[in-house]
Amino acid sequence: MQSENNTSAPTTPRLRHRRRSNEAIPDATKANGSHLLVHDRNKYKSFLVRAYSTVWMIAGFVLIVYMGHLYITAMVVVIQIFMARELFNLLRKAHEERDLPGFRMLNWFLLPASLIVINDIAAYIFGFFFGRTPLIKLSPKKTWEGFIGASVATITSAFVLANIMGRFQWLTCPRKDLATGWLHCDPGPLFKPESFPLPGWLPWKEITILPVQWHALCLGLFASIIAPFGGFFASGFKRAFKIKDFGDSIPGHGGITDRMDCQMVMAVFAYIYHQSFIVPQSFRVEMILEQILTALTYEEQKALYMKLGEILQERLFGQS
């Protein structure tokens, strides 16, 4: 009987919990200024944990530098492995919470990275065939012709690539929509076309543009004008050490760092731009209440309360 009861009972899967940090997390419900370290009861414990971690990190770094180049290389590899692991966990968490297919999360990774590749190739081709005017002393082979030609090619490619993303907009649909209506779902406001009228002397009456194409133009401008300065900085760094390339792992290109110098600058900008203008802002009840209590007067809070009550009553009677 005992074995039958055990087999009939539903099995509960084990939940894996991440190890919590020793640092206290501030409460969002507290008023402004109440979550400062001065009012934190666990500040000394947090201070000791931070101090202990700082001491062993500095001591370990000094020891590795003292041991030589081989150990420094191993340290860099280990750091990169841990960074890749943390990034993978972050993407997996976003994938689980938003219920999005993997390609949608990679859209804003593929586009900026592709623009840097296009800019590098176009700068080399235009400079190879038309380069006559030196651009900057830090990089003698860079020319104005290559810089301008690459800028035009990158901005144009950004606009076209964003349009291609719109044509394959079903790849950006949530998984639940793809399961119910294949290729027929709401891809979001970024991929909904907008029509703009054209002057009467043109053969076309209007033009259709996706909102994501305007964002792609901003990325293209940065990739063609600002991001190359990452390469200029890398060139100055190499000239200071009197070397041509950072390595020789890629024939004709140098090392991995030679190919990733502009990508590092572009990655920072793409992340900030995505978080500022693409990701919708999420609001919590605690945050809204805190703003109401700190920014509104008592009369304004009372008026808001009355107005909110009227709206809720209208919705309640409308549903009934």
C-alpha atoms as a PDB file:
ATOM      1  CA  MET A   1       0.000   0.000   0.000  1.00  0.00           C
ATOM      2  CA  GLN A   2       2.811   2.348   0.772  1.00  0.00           C
ATOM      3  CA  SER A   3       4.437   1.806  -2.604  1.00  0.00           C
ATOM      4  CA  GLU A   4       1.110   2.370  -4.393  1.00  0.00           C
ATOM      5  CA  ASN A   5       0.580   5.670  -2.604  1.00  0.00           C
ATOM      6  CA  ASN A   6       4.062   6.786  -3.472  1.00  0.00           C
ATOM      7  CA  THR A   7       3.599   6.000  -7.154  1.00  0.00           C
ATOM      8  CA  SER A   8       0.226   7.700  -7.402  1.00  0.00           C
ATOM      9  CA  ALA A   9       1.355  10.926  -5.732  1.00  0.00           C
ATOM     10  CA  PRO A  10       2.447  13.600  -8.183  1.00  0.00           C
ATOM     11  CA  THR A  11       6.131  14.277  -8.193  1.00  0.00           C
ATOM     12  CA  THR A  12       7.202  17.849  -7.611  1.00  0.00           C
ATOM     13  CA  PRO A  13      10.247  18.920  -9.600  1.00  0.00           C
ATOM     14  CA  ARG A  14      13.132  20.279  -7.602  1.00  0.00           C
ATOM     15  CA  LEU A  15      13.627  23.996  -7.923  1.00  0.00           C
ATOM     16  CA  ARG A  16      17.106  25.359  -8.240  1.00  0.00           C
ATOM     17  CA  HIS A  17      17.696  28.576  -6.336  1.00  0.00           C
ATOM     18  CA  ARG A  18      20.546  30.900  -7.021  1.00  0.00           C
ATOM     19  CA  ARG A  19      22.787  31.696  -4.113  1.00  0.00           C
ATOM     20  CA  ARG A  20      21.770  35.031  -2.730  1.00  0.00           C
ATOM     21  CA  SER A  21      24.183  37.857  -2.345  1.00  0.00           C
ATOM     22  CA  ASN A  22      25.290  38.951   1.092  1.00  0.00           C
ATOM     23  CA  GLU A  23      24.544  42.550   0.259  1.00  0.00           C
ATOM     24  CA  ALA A  24      21.199  43.898   1.379  1.00  0.00           C
ATOM     25  CA  ILE A  25      18.788  44.878  -1.382  1.00  0.00           C
ATOM     26  CA  PRO A  26      17.130  48.272  -0.890  1.00  0.00           C
ATOM     27  CA  ASP A  27      13.374  48.292  -0.496  1.00  0.00           C
ATOM     28  CA  ALA A  28      11.627  50.198  -3.274  1.00  0.00           C
ATOM     29  CA  THR A  29       8.648  50.981  -1.041  1.00  0.00           C
ATOM     30  CA  LYS A  30      10.639  53.225   1.244  1.00  0.00           C
ATOM     31  CA  ALA A  31      10.531  56.961   0.828  1.00  0.00           C
ATOM     32  CA  ASN A  32      13.325  58.914  -0.760  1.00  0.00           C
ATOM     33  CA  GLY A  33      16.464  58.890   1.369  1.00  0.00           C
ATOM     34  CA  SER A  34      15.365  56.025   3.633  1.00  0.00           C
ATOM     35  CA  HIS A  35      17.370  53.421   1.657  1.00  0.00           C
ATOM     36  CA  LEU A  36      20.691  55.214   2.018  1.00  0.00           C
ATOM     37  CA  LEU A  37      23.621  53.466   3.677  1.00  0.00           C
ATOM     38  CA  VAL A  38      23.255  55.718   6.712  1.00  0.00           C
ATOM     39  CA  HIS A  39      19.893  54.081   7.510  1.00  0.00           C
ATOM     40  CA  ASP A  40      20.903  50.544   6.507  1.00  0.00           C
ATOM     41  CA  ARG A  41      21.161  48.208   9.498  1.00  0.00           C
ATOM     42  CA  ASN A  42      23.293  45.732   7.555  1.00  0.00           C
ATOM     43  CA  LYS A  43      25.770  48.308   6.279  1.00  0.00           C
ATOM     44  CA  TYR A  44      28.662  47.026   8.419  1.00  0.00           C
ATOM     45  CA  LYS A  45      28.167  43.478   7.234  1.00  0.00           C
ATOM     46  CA  SER A  46      28.047  44.683   3.642  1.00  0.00           C
ATOM     47  CA  PHE A  47      31.137  46.804   4.235  1.00  0.00           C
ATOM     48  CA  LEU A  48      33.104  43.828   5.595  1.00  0.00           C
ATOM     49  CA  VAL A  49      32.061  41.627   2.674  1.00  0.00           C
ATOM     50  CA  ARG A  50      33.075  44.279   0.138  1.00  0.00           C
ATOM     51  CA  ALA A  51      36.352  44.968   1.920  1.00  0.00           C
ATOM     52  CA  TYR A  52      37.199  41.262   2.106  1.00  0.00           C
ATOM     53  CA  SER A  53      36.429  40.761  -1.596  1.00  0.00           C
ATOM     54  CA  THR A  54      38.442  43.838  -2.568  1.00  0.00           C
ATOM     55  CA  VAL A  55      41.506  42.719  -0.592  1.00  0.00           C
ATOM     56  CA  TRP A  56      41.665  39.237  -2.084  1.00  0.00           C
ATOM     57  CA  MET A  57      41.004  40.540  -5.619  1.00  0.00           C
ATOM     58  CA  ILE A  58      43.848  43.060  -5.372  1.00  0.00           C
ATOM     59  CA  ALA A  59      46.157  40.525  -3.764  1.00  0.00           C
ATOM     60  CA  GLY A  60      45.338  37.918  -6.385  1.00  0.00           C
ATOM     61  CA  PHE A  61      45.896  40.372  -9.216  1.00  0.00           C
ATOM     62  CA  VAL A  62      49.284  41.451  -7.838  1.00  0.00           C
ATOM     63  CA  LEU A  63      50.301  37.807  -7.395  1.00  0.00           C
ATOM     64  CA  ILE A  64      49.329  36.923 -10.958  1.00  0.00           C
ATOM     65  CA  VAL A  65      51.220  39.909 -12.376  1.00  0.00           C
ATOM     66  CA  TYR A  66      54.265  38.905 -10.336  1.00  0.00           C
ATOM     67  CA  MET A  67      54.126  35.318 -11.644  1.00  0.00           C
ATOM     68  CA  GLY A  68      54.482  36.408 -15.282  1.00  0.00           C
ATOM     69  CA  HIS A  69      52.890  36.613 -18.712  1.00  0.00           C
ATOM     70  CA  LEU A  70      51.569  33.052 -18.865  1.00  0.00           C
ATOM     71  CA  TYR A  71      49.506  33.483 -15.708  1.00  0.00           C
ATOM     72  CA  ILE A  72      48.216  36.878 -16.879  1.00  0.00           C
ATOM     73  CA  THR A  73      47.002  35.247 -20.112  1.00  0.00           C
ATOM     74  CA  ALA A  74      45.291  32.506 -18.111  1.00  0.00           C
ATOM     75  CA  MET A  75      43.626  35.147 -15.923  1.00  0.00           C
ATOM     76  CA  VAL A  76      42.235  36.957 -18.983  1.00  0.00           C
ATOM     77  CA  VAL A  77      40.849  33.684 -20.367  1.00  0.00           C
ATOM     78  CA  VAL A  78      39.180  32.822 -17.051  1.00  0.00           C
ATOM     79  CA  ILE A  79      37.638  36.300 -16.793  1.00  0.00           C
ATOM     80  CA  GLN A  80      36.251  35.996 -20.315  1.00  0.00           C
ATOM     81  CA  ILE A  81      34.749  32.598 -19.490  1.00  0.00           C
ATOM     82  CA  PHE A  82      32.981  33.979 -16.413  1.00  0.00           C
ATOM     83  CA  MET A  83      31.748  37.034 -18.368  1.00  0.00           C
ATOM     84  CA  ALA A  84      30.374  34.777 -21.105  1.00  0.00           C
ATOM     85  CA  ARG A  85      28.649  32.643 -18.478  1.00  0.00           C
ATOM     86  CA  GLU A  86      27.024  35.657 -16.823  1.00  0.00           C
ATOM     87  CA  LEU A  87      25.903  37.017 -20.201  1.00  0.00           C
ATOM     88  CA  PHE A  88      24.431  33.637 -21.117  1.00  0.00           C
ATOM     89  CA  ASN A  89      22.512  33.491 -17.830  1.00  0.00           C
ATOM     90  CA  LEU A  90      21.220  37.023 -18.403  1.00  0.00           C
ATOM     91  CA  LEU A  91      19.979  36.191 -21.901  1.00  0.00           C
ATOM     92  CA  ARG A  92      18.395  32.975 -20.660  1.00  0.00           C
ATOM     93  CA  LYS A  93      16.590  34.850 -17.914  1.00  0.00           C
ATOM     94  CA  ALA A  94      15.295  37.435 -20.387  1.00  0.00           C
ATOM     95  CA  HIS A  95      14.232  34.629 -22.695  1.00  0.00           C
ATOM     96  CA  GLU A  96      12.266  32.896 -19.934  1.00  0.00           C
ATOM     97  CA  GLU A  97      10.599  36.057 -18.616  1.00  0.00           C
ATOM     98  CA  ARG A  98       9.605  37.627 -21.933  1.00  0.00           C
ATOM     99  CA  ASP A  99       8.776  34.350 -23.707  1.00  0.00           C
ATOM    100  CA  LEU A 100      10.654  35.469 -26.804  1.00  0.00           C
ATOM    101  CA  PRO A 101      12.379  33.376 -29.452  1.00  0.00           C
ATOM    102  CA  GLY A 102      16.149  33.548 -29.525  1.00  0.00           C
ATOM    103  CA  PHE A 103      16.315  35.481 -32.780  1.00  0.00           C
ATOM    104  CA  ARG A 104      14.379  38.396 -31.330  1.00  0.00           C
ATOM    105  CA  MET A 105      16.910  38.851 -28.554  1.00  0.00           C
ATOM    106  CA  LEU A 106      19.738  38.745 -31.091  1.00  0.00           C
ATOM    107  CA  ASN A 107      18.216  41.391 -33.413  1.00  0.00           C
ATOM    108  CA  TRP A 108      19.910  44.243 -31.598  1.00  0.00           C
ATOM    109  CA  PHE A 109      23.121  42.279 -31.436  1.00  0.00           C
ATOM    110  CA  LEU A 110      23.286  41.259 -35.103  1.00  0.00           C
ATOM    111  CA  LEU A 111      22.464  44.684 -36.534  1.00  0.00           C
ATOM    112  CA  PRO A 112      25.181  46.763 -34.766  1.00  0.00           C
ATOM    113  CA  ALA A 113      27.788  44.030 -35.212  1.00  0.00           C
ATOM    114  CA  SER A 114      26.958  43.721 -38.920  1.00  0.00           C
ATOM    115  CA  LEU A 115      27.228  47.484 -39.402  1.00  0.00           C
ATOM    116  CA  ILE A 116      30.761  47.507 -37.983  1.00  0.00           C
ATOM    117  CA  VAL A 117      31.750  44.675 -40.333  1.00  0.00           C
ATOM    118  CA  ILE A 118      30.244  46.530 -43.287  1.00  0.00           C
ATOM    119  CA  ASN A 119      32.010  49.742 -42.287  1.00  0.00           C
ATOM    120  CA  ASP A 120      35.398  48.005 -42.024  1.00  0.00           C
ATOM    121  CA  ILE A 121      35.003  46.296 -45.406  1.00  0.00           C
ATOM    122  CA  ALA A 122      33.735  49.430 -47.143  1.00  0.00           C
ATOM    123  CA  ALA A 123      36.512  51.583 -45.654  1.00  0.00           C
ATOM    124  CA  TYR A 124      39.124  49.133 -46.913  1.00  0.00           C
ATOM    125  CA  ILE A 125      37.619  48.903 -50.422  1.00  0.00           C
ATOM    126  CA  PHE A 126      37.116  52.652 -50.894  1.00  0.00           C
ATOM    127  CA  GLY A 127      40.523  53.405 -49.435  1.00  0.00           C
ATOM    128  CA  PHE A 128      42.160  50.725 -51.575  1.00  0.00           C
ATOM    129  CA  PHE A 129      40.779  52.022 -54.861  1.00  0.00           C
ATOM    130  CA  PHE A 130      40.197  55.738 -54.230  1.00  0.00           C
ATOM    131  CA  GLY A 131      42.269  56.645 -51.158  1.00  0.00           C
ATOM    132  CA  ARG A 132      44.449  59.699 -51.753  1.00  0.00           C
ATOM    133  CA  THR A 133      44.057  61.963 -48.697  1.00  0.00           C
ATOM    134  CA  PRO A 134      45.406  60.792 -45.294  1.00  0.00           C
ATOM    135  CA  LEU A 135      42.839  60.922 -42.514  1.00  0.00           C
ATOM    136  CA  ILE A 136      44.784  60.709 -39.246  1.00  0.00           C
ATOM    137  CA  LYS A 137      48.442  60.310 -38.326  1.00  0.00           C
ATOM    138  CA  LEU A 138      47.756  57.560 -35.802  1.00  0.00           C
ATOM    139  CA  SER A 139      46.657  55.294 -38.652  1.00  0.00           C
ATOM    140  CA  PRO A 140      48.595  56.244 -41.812  1.00  0.00           C
ATOM    141  CA  LYS A 141      46.627  53.912 -44.112  1.00  0.00           C
ATOM    142  CA  LYS A 142      43.277  55.502 -43.239  1.00  0.00           C
ATOM    143  CA  THR A 143      42.057  58.008 -45.856  1.00  0.00           C
ATOM    144  CA  TRP A 144      39.239  60.506 -46.125  1.00  0.00           C
ATOM    145  CA  GLU A 145      37.943  58.754 -49.225  1.00  0.00           C
ATOM    146  CA  GLY A 146      37.683  55.470 -47.365  1.00  0.00           C
ATOM    147  CA  PHE A 147      36.079  57.146 -44.329  1.00  0.00           C
ATOM    148  CA  ILE A 148      33.416  58.989 -46.350  1.00  0.00           C
ATOM    149  CA  GLY A 149      32.711  56.056 -48.657  1.00  0.00           C
ATOM    150  CA  ALA A 150      32.367  53.694 -45.705  1.00  0.00           C
ATOM    151  CA  SER A 151      30.018  56.132 -43.960  1.00  0.00           C
ATOM    152  CA  VAL A 152      27.666  56.281 -46.941  1.00  0.00           C
ATOM    153  CA  ALA A 153      27.765  52.505 -47.400  1.00  0.00           C
ATOM    154  CA  THR A 154      27.156  51.838 -43.686  1.00  0.00           C
ATOM    155  CA  ILE A 155      24.200  54.207 -43.359  1.00  0.00           C
ATOM    156  CA  THR A 156      22.613  52.837 -46.526  1.00  0.00           C
ATOM    157  CA  SER A 157      23.171  49.267 -45.381  1.00  0.00           C
ATOM    158  CA  ALA A 158      21.619  50.032 -41.996  1.00  0.00           C
ATOM    159  CA  PHE A 159      18.442  51.284 -43.651  1.00  0.00           C
ATOM    160  CA  VAL A 160      18.263  48.257 -45.963  1.00  0.00           C
ATOM    161  CA  LEU A 161      19.051  45.694 -43.258  1.00  0.00           C
ATOM    162  CA  ALA A 162      16.314  47.104 -41.037  1.00  0.00           C
ATOM    163  CA  ASN A 163      13.858  46.750 -43.918  1.00  0.00           C
ATOM    164  CA  ILE A 164      14.938  43.118 -44.345  1.00  0.00           C
ATOM    165  CA  MET A 165      14.328  42.583 -40.639  1.00  0.00           C
ATOM    166  CA  GLY A 166      10.808  43.901 -41.191  1.00  0.00           C
ATOM    167  CA  ARG A 167      10.181  41.459 -44.034  1.00  0.00           C
ATOM    168  CA  PHE A 168      11.086  38.607 -41.696  1.00  0.00           C
ATOM    169  CA  GLN A 169       9.086  40.144 -38.858  1.00  0.00           C
ATOM    170  CA  TRP A 170       7.485  36.800 -37.977  1.00  0.00           C
ATOM    171  CA  LEU A 171      10.837  35.841 -36.479  1.00  0.00           C
ATOM    172  CA  THR A 172      10.267  38.527 -33.839  1.00  0.00           C
ATOM    173  CA  CYS A 173       6.839  37.266 -32.793  1.00  0.00           C
ATOM    174  CA  PRO A 174       6.310  35.763 -29.336  1.00  0.00           C
ATOM    175  CA  ARG A 175       6.303  31.991 -29.181  1.00  0.00           C
ATOM    176  CA  LYS A 176       2.688  31.811 -28.031  1.00  0.00           C
ATOM    177  CA  ASP A 177       1.538  33.772 -31.112  1.00  0.00           C
ATOM    178  CA  LEU A 178       3.578  31.578 -33.433  1.00  0.00           C
ATOM    179  CA  ALA A 179       1.894  28.511 -31.960  1.00  0.00           C
ATOM    180  CA  THR A 180      -1.638  29.792 -32.612  1.00  0.00           C
ATOM    181  CA  GLY A 181      -1.219  31.751 -35.831  1.00  0.00           C
ATOM    182  CA  TRP A 182       1.883  30.919 -37.838  1.00  0.00           C
ATOM    183  CA  LEU A 183       3.258  33.960 -39.676  1.00  0.00           C
ATOM    184  CA  HIS A 184       0.240  35.990 -38.532  1.00  0.00           C
ATOM    185  CA  CYS A 185       0.991  37.800 -35.280  1.00  0.00           C
ATOM    186  CA  ASP A 186       1.594  41.280 -33.955  1.00  0.00           C
ATOM    187  CA  PRO A 187       5.352  41.885 -34.248  1.00  0.00           C
ATOM    188  CA  GLY A 188       5.296  45.071 -32.185  1.00  0.00           C
ATOM    189  CA  PRO A 189       5.364  48.804 -32.921  1.00  0.00           C
ATOM    190  CA  LEU A 190       8.908  48.764 -34.292  1.00  0.00           C
ATOM    191  CA  PHE A 191       7.858  46.635 -37.263  1.00  0.00           C
ATOM    192  CA  LYS A 192       4.539  48.276 -38.134  1.00  0.00           C
ATOM    193  CA  PRO A 193       4.974  50.276 -41.381  1.00  0.00           C
ATOM    194  CA  GLU A 194       4.242  53.977 -41.485  1.00  0.00           C
ATOM    195  CA  SER A 195       3.346  55.838 -44.690  1.00  0.00           C
ATOM    196  CA  PHE A 196       4.734  59.259 -45.584  1.00  0.00           C
ATOM    197  CA  PRO A 197       3.464  61.376 -48.524  1.00  0.00           C
ATOM    198  CA  LEU A 198       5.900  62.373 -51.258  1.00  0.00           C
ATOM    199  CA  PRO A 199       5.970  65.517 -53.435  1.00  0.00           C
ATOM    200  CA  GLY A 200       3.638  65.504 -56.426  1.00  0.00           C
ATOM    201  CA  TRP A 201       6.412  65.650 -59.037  1.00  0.00           C
ATOM    202  CA  LEU A 202       7.642  62.184 -58.006  1.00  0.00           C
ATOM    203  CA  PRO A 203       6.164  59.068 -59.652  1.00  0.00           C
ATOM    204  CA  TRP A 204       5.324  57.623 -56.203  1.00  0.00           C
ATOM    205  CA  LYS A 205       2.608  59.102 -54.012  1.00  0.00           C
ATOM    206  CA  GLU A 206       3.914  57.839 -50.676  1.00  0.00           C
ATOM    207  CA  ILE A 207       6.706  55.833 -49.104  1.00  0.00           C
ATOM    208  CA  THR A 208       6.418  53.176 -46.422  1.00  0.00           C
ATOM    209  CA  ILE A 209       9.057  53.074 -43.698  1.00  0.00           C
ATOM    210  CA  LEU A 210       9.345  50.905 -40.615  1.00  0.00           C
ATOM    211  CA  PRO A 211      10.086  52.664 -37.291  1.00  0.00           C
ATOM    212  CA  VAL A 212      12.996  50.281 -36.771  1.00  0.00           C
ATOM    213  CA  GLN A 213      14.638  51.791 -39.857  1.00  0.00           C
ATOM    214  CA  TRP A 214      14.938  55.177 -38.124  1.00  0.00           C
ATOM    215  CA  HIS A 215      16.690  53.497 -35.203  1.00  0.00           C
ATOM    216  CA  ALA A 216      18.915  51.668 -37.667  1.00  0.00           C
ATOM    217  CA  LEU A 217      19.939  55.019 -39.169  1.00  0.00           C
ATOM    218  CA  CYS A 218      21.104  56.178 -35.732  1.00  0.00           C
ATOM    219  CA  LEU A 219      23.140  52.998 -35.327  1.00  0.00           C
ATOM    220  CA  GLY A 220      24.539  53.449 -38.825  1.00  0.00           C
ATOM    221  CA  LEU A 221      25.602  57.026 -38.096  1.00  0.00           C
ATOM    222  CA  PHE A 222      27.403  55.946 -34.941  1.00  0.00           C
ATOM    223  CA  ALA A 223      29.009  52.939 -36.636  1.00  0.00           C
ATOM    224  CA  SER A 224      30.345  55.092 -39.468  1.00  0.00           C
ATOM    225  CA  ILE A 225      31.402  58.260 -37.620  1.00  0.00           C
ATOM    226  CA  ILE A 226      32.085  57.528 -33.937  1.00  0.00           C
ATOM    227  CA  ALA A 227      32.892  53.813 -33.747  1.00  0.00           C
ATOM    228  CA  PRO A 228      35.985  54.081 -36.018  1.00  0.00           C
ATOM    229  CA  PHE A 229      37.649  56.126 -33.282  1.00  0.00           C
ATOM    230  CA  GLY A 230      37.959  52.865 -31.387  1.00  0.00           C
ATOM    231  CA  GLY A 231      40.203  51.722 -34.208  1.00  0.00           C
ATOM    232  CA  PHE A 232      42.122  54.996 -34.108  1.00  0.00           C
ATOM    233  CA  PHE A 233      42.727  54.552 -30.392  1.00  0.00           C
ATOM    234  CA  ALA A 234      43.898  50.979 -30.990  1.00  0.00           C
ATOM    235  CA  SER A 235      46.243  52.227 -33.728  1.00  0.00           C
ATOM    236  CA  GLY A 236      47.762  54.775 -31.366  1.00  0.00           C
ATOM    237  CA  PHE A 237      48.156  52.080 -28.723  1.00  0.00           C
ATOM    238  CA  LYS A 238      49.993  49.828 -31.189  1.00  0.00           C
ATOM    239  CA  ARG A 239      52.229  52.657 -32.379  1.00  0.00           C
ATOM    240  CA  ALA A 240      53.171  53.395 -28.775  1.00  0.00           C
ATOM    241  CA  PHE A 241      54.449  49.824 -28.444  1.00  0.00           C
ATOM    242  CA  LYS A 242      55.916  49.886 -31.975  1.00  0.00           C
ATOM    243  CA  ILE A 243      53.897  46.944 -33.240  1.00  0.00           C
ATOM    244  CA  LYS A 244      51.801  46.587 -36.369  1.00  0.00           C
ATOM    245  CA  ASP A 245      49.062  44.260 -35.075  1.00  0.00           C
ATOM    246  CA  PHE A 246      47.958  42.857 -31.751  1.00  0.00           C
ATOM    247  CA  GLY A 247      48.471  39.321 -33.042  1.00  0.00           C
ATOM    248  CA  ASP A 248      48.665  37.140 -36.124  1.00  0.00           C
ATOM    249  CA  SER A 249      45.795  34.691 -35.571  1.00  0.00           C
ATOM    250  CA  ILE A 250      43.864  35.980 -38.629  1.00  0.00           C
ATOM    251  CA  PRO A 251      45.998  36.137 -41.824  1.00  0.00           C
ATOM    252  CA  GLY A 252      45.851  39.562 -43.414  1.00  0.00           C
ATOM    253  CA  HIS A 253      43.948  41.087 -40.491  1.00  0.00           C
ATOM    254  CA  GLY A 254      46.175  40.590 -37.456  1.00  0.00           C
ATOM    255  CA  GLY A 255      44.701  39.387 -34.189  1.00  0.00           C
ATOM    256  CA  ILE A 256      41.220  39.133 -32.726  1.00  0.00           C
ATOM    257  CA  THR A 257      41.680  42.478 -30.962  1.00  0.00           C
ATOM    258  CA  ASP A 258      42.423  44.165 -34.294  1.00  0.00           C
ATOM    259  CA  ARG A 259      38.987  43.076 -35.539  1.00  0.00           C
ATOM    260  CA  MET A 260      37.132  43.871 -32.321  1.00  0.00           C
ATOM    261  CA  ASP A 261      38.396  47.371 -31.537  1.00  0.00           C
ATOM    262  CA  CYS A 262      35.411  49.157 -33.099  1.00  0.00           C
ATOM    263  CA  GLN A 263      32.991  46.466 -31.964  1.00  0.00           C
ATOM    264  CA  MET A 264      33.725  47.307 -28.330  1.00  0.00           C
ATOM    265  CA  VAL A 265      32.700  50.935 -28.808  1.00  0.00           C
ATOM    266  CA  MET A 266      29.652  49.947 -30.830  1.00  0.00           C
ATOM    267  CA  ALA A 267      28.542  47.395 -28.251  1.00  0.00           C
ATOM    268  CA  VAL A 268      28.443  50.000 -25.478  1.00  0.00           C
ATOM    269  CA  PHE A 269      26.460  52.448 -27.617  1.00  0.00           C
ATOM    270  CA  ALA A 270      24.044  49.768 -28.865  1.00  0.00           C
ATOM    271  CA  TYR A 271      23.298  48.654 -25.302  1.00  0.00           C
ATOM    272  CA  ILE A 272      22.682  52.197 -24.046  1.00  0.00           C
ATOM    273  CA  TYR A 273      20.569  53.057 -27.086  1.00  0.00           C
ATOM    274  CA  HIS A 274      18.534  49.856 -26.771  1.00  0.00           C
ATOM    275  CA  GLN A 275      17.843  50.386 -23.081  1.00  0.00           C
ATOM    276  CA  SER A 276      16.993  54.081 -23.568  1.00  0.00           C
ATOM    277  CA  PHE A 277      14.853  54.087 -26.727  1.00  0.00           C
ATOM    278  CA  ILE A 278      13.831  50.501 -27.563  1.00  0.00           C
ATOM    279  CA  VAL A 279      13.008  48.619 -24.367  1.00  0.00           C
ATOM    280  CA  PRO A 280       9.626  49.716 -22.967  1.00  0.00           C
ATOM    281  CA  GLN A 281       9.838  51.188 -19.494  1.00  0.00           C
ATOM    282  CA  SER A 282       8.257  49.033 -16.794  1.00  0.00           C
ATOM    283  CA  PHE A 283       6.514  50.617 -13.820  1.00  0.00           C
ATOM    284  CA  ARG A 284       5.738  49.004 -10.501  1.00  0.00           C
ATOM    285  CA  VAL A 285       3.032  49.980  -8.050  1.00  0.00           C
ATOM    286  CA  GLU A 286       5.629  50.819  -5.412  1.00  0.00           C
ATOM    287  CA  MET A 287       7.465  53.170  -7.768  1.00  0.00           C
ATOM    288  CA  ILE A 288       4.250  54.959  -8.771  1.00  0.00           C
ATOM    289  CA  LEU A 289       3.163  55.368  -5.163  1.00  0.00           C
ATOM    290  CA  GLU A 290       6.547  56.748  -4.213  1.00  0.00           C
ATOM    291  CA  GLN A 291       6.338  59.329  -6.993  1.00  0.00           C
ATOM    292  CA  ILE A 292       2.831  60.299  -5.953  1.00  0.00           C
ATOM    293  CA  LEU A 293       3.745  60.723  -2.290  1.00  0.00           C
ATOM    294  CA  THR A 294       6.901  62.713  -2.963  1.00  0.00           C
ATOM    295  CA  ALA A 295       5.984  64.817  -6.018  1.00  0.00           C
ATOM    296  CA  LEU A 296       2.306  65.701  -5.450  1.00  0.00           C
ATOM    297  CA  THR A 297       0.757  67.898  -2.806  1.00  0.00           C
ATOM    298  CA  TYR A 298      -2.037  66.680  -0.556  1.00  0.00           C
ATOM    299  CA  GLU A 299      -4.709  68.365  -2.692  1.00  0.00           C
ATOM    300  CA  GLU A 300      -3.263  66.836  -5.861  1.00  0.00           C
ATOM    301  CA  GLN A 301      -3.166  63.410  -4.241  1.00  0.00           C
ATOM    302  CA  LYS A 302      -6.795  63.813  -3.188  1.00  0.00           C
ATOM    303  CA  ALA A 303      -7.833  64.846  -6.701  1.00  0.00           C
ATOM    304  CA  LEU A 304      -5.961  61.883  -8.154  1.00  0.00           C
ATOM    305  CA  TYR A 305      -7.694  59.549  -5.708  1.00  0.00           C
ATOM    306  CA  MET A 306     -11.141  60.842  -6.674  1.00  0.00           C
ATOM    307  CA  LYS A 307     -10.387  60.657 -10.399  1.00  0.00           C
ATOM    308  CA  LEU A 308      -9.018  57.132 -10.124  1.00  0.00           C
ATOM    309  CA  GLY A 309     -12.141  56.066  -8.212  1.00  0.00           C
ATOM    310  CA  GLU A 310     -14.388  57.441 -10.966  1.00  0.00           C
ATOM    311  CA  ILE A 311     -12.417  55.590 -13.651  1.00  0.00           C
ATOM    312  CA  LEU A 312     -12.581  52.302 -11.745  1.00  0.00           C
ATOM    313  CA  GLN A 313     -16.326  52.673 -11.184  1.00  0.00           C
ATOM    314  CA  GLU A 314     -16.910  53.336 -14.885  1.00  0.00           C
ATOM    315  CA  ARG A 315     -14.931  50.234 -15.819  1.00  0.00           C
ATOM    316  CA  LEU A 316     -16.747  48.143 -13.203  1.00  0.00           C
ATOM    317  CA  PHE A 317     -20.213  49.163 -14.394  1.00  0.00           C
ATOM    318  CA  GLY A 318     -19.134  48.818 -18.009  1.00  0.00           C
ATOM    319  CA  GLN A 319     -18.123  45.179 -17.497  1.00  0.00           C
ATOM    320  CA  SER A 320     -21.338  44.372 -15.625  1.00  0.00           C
END
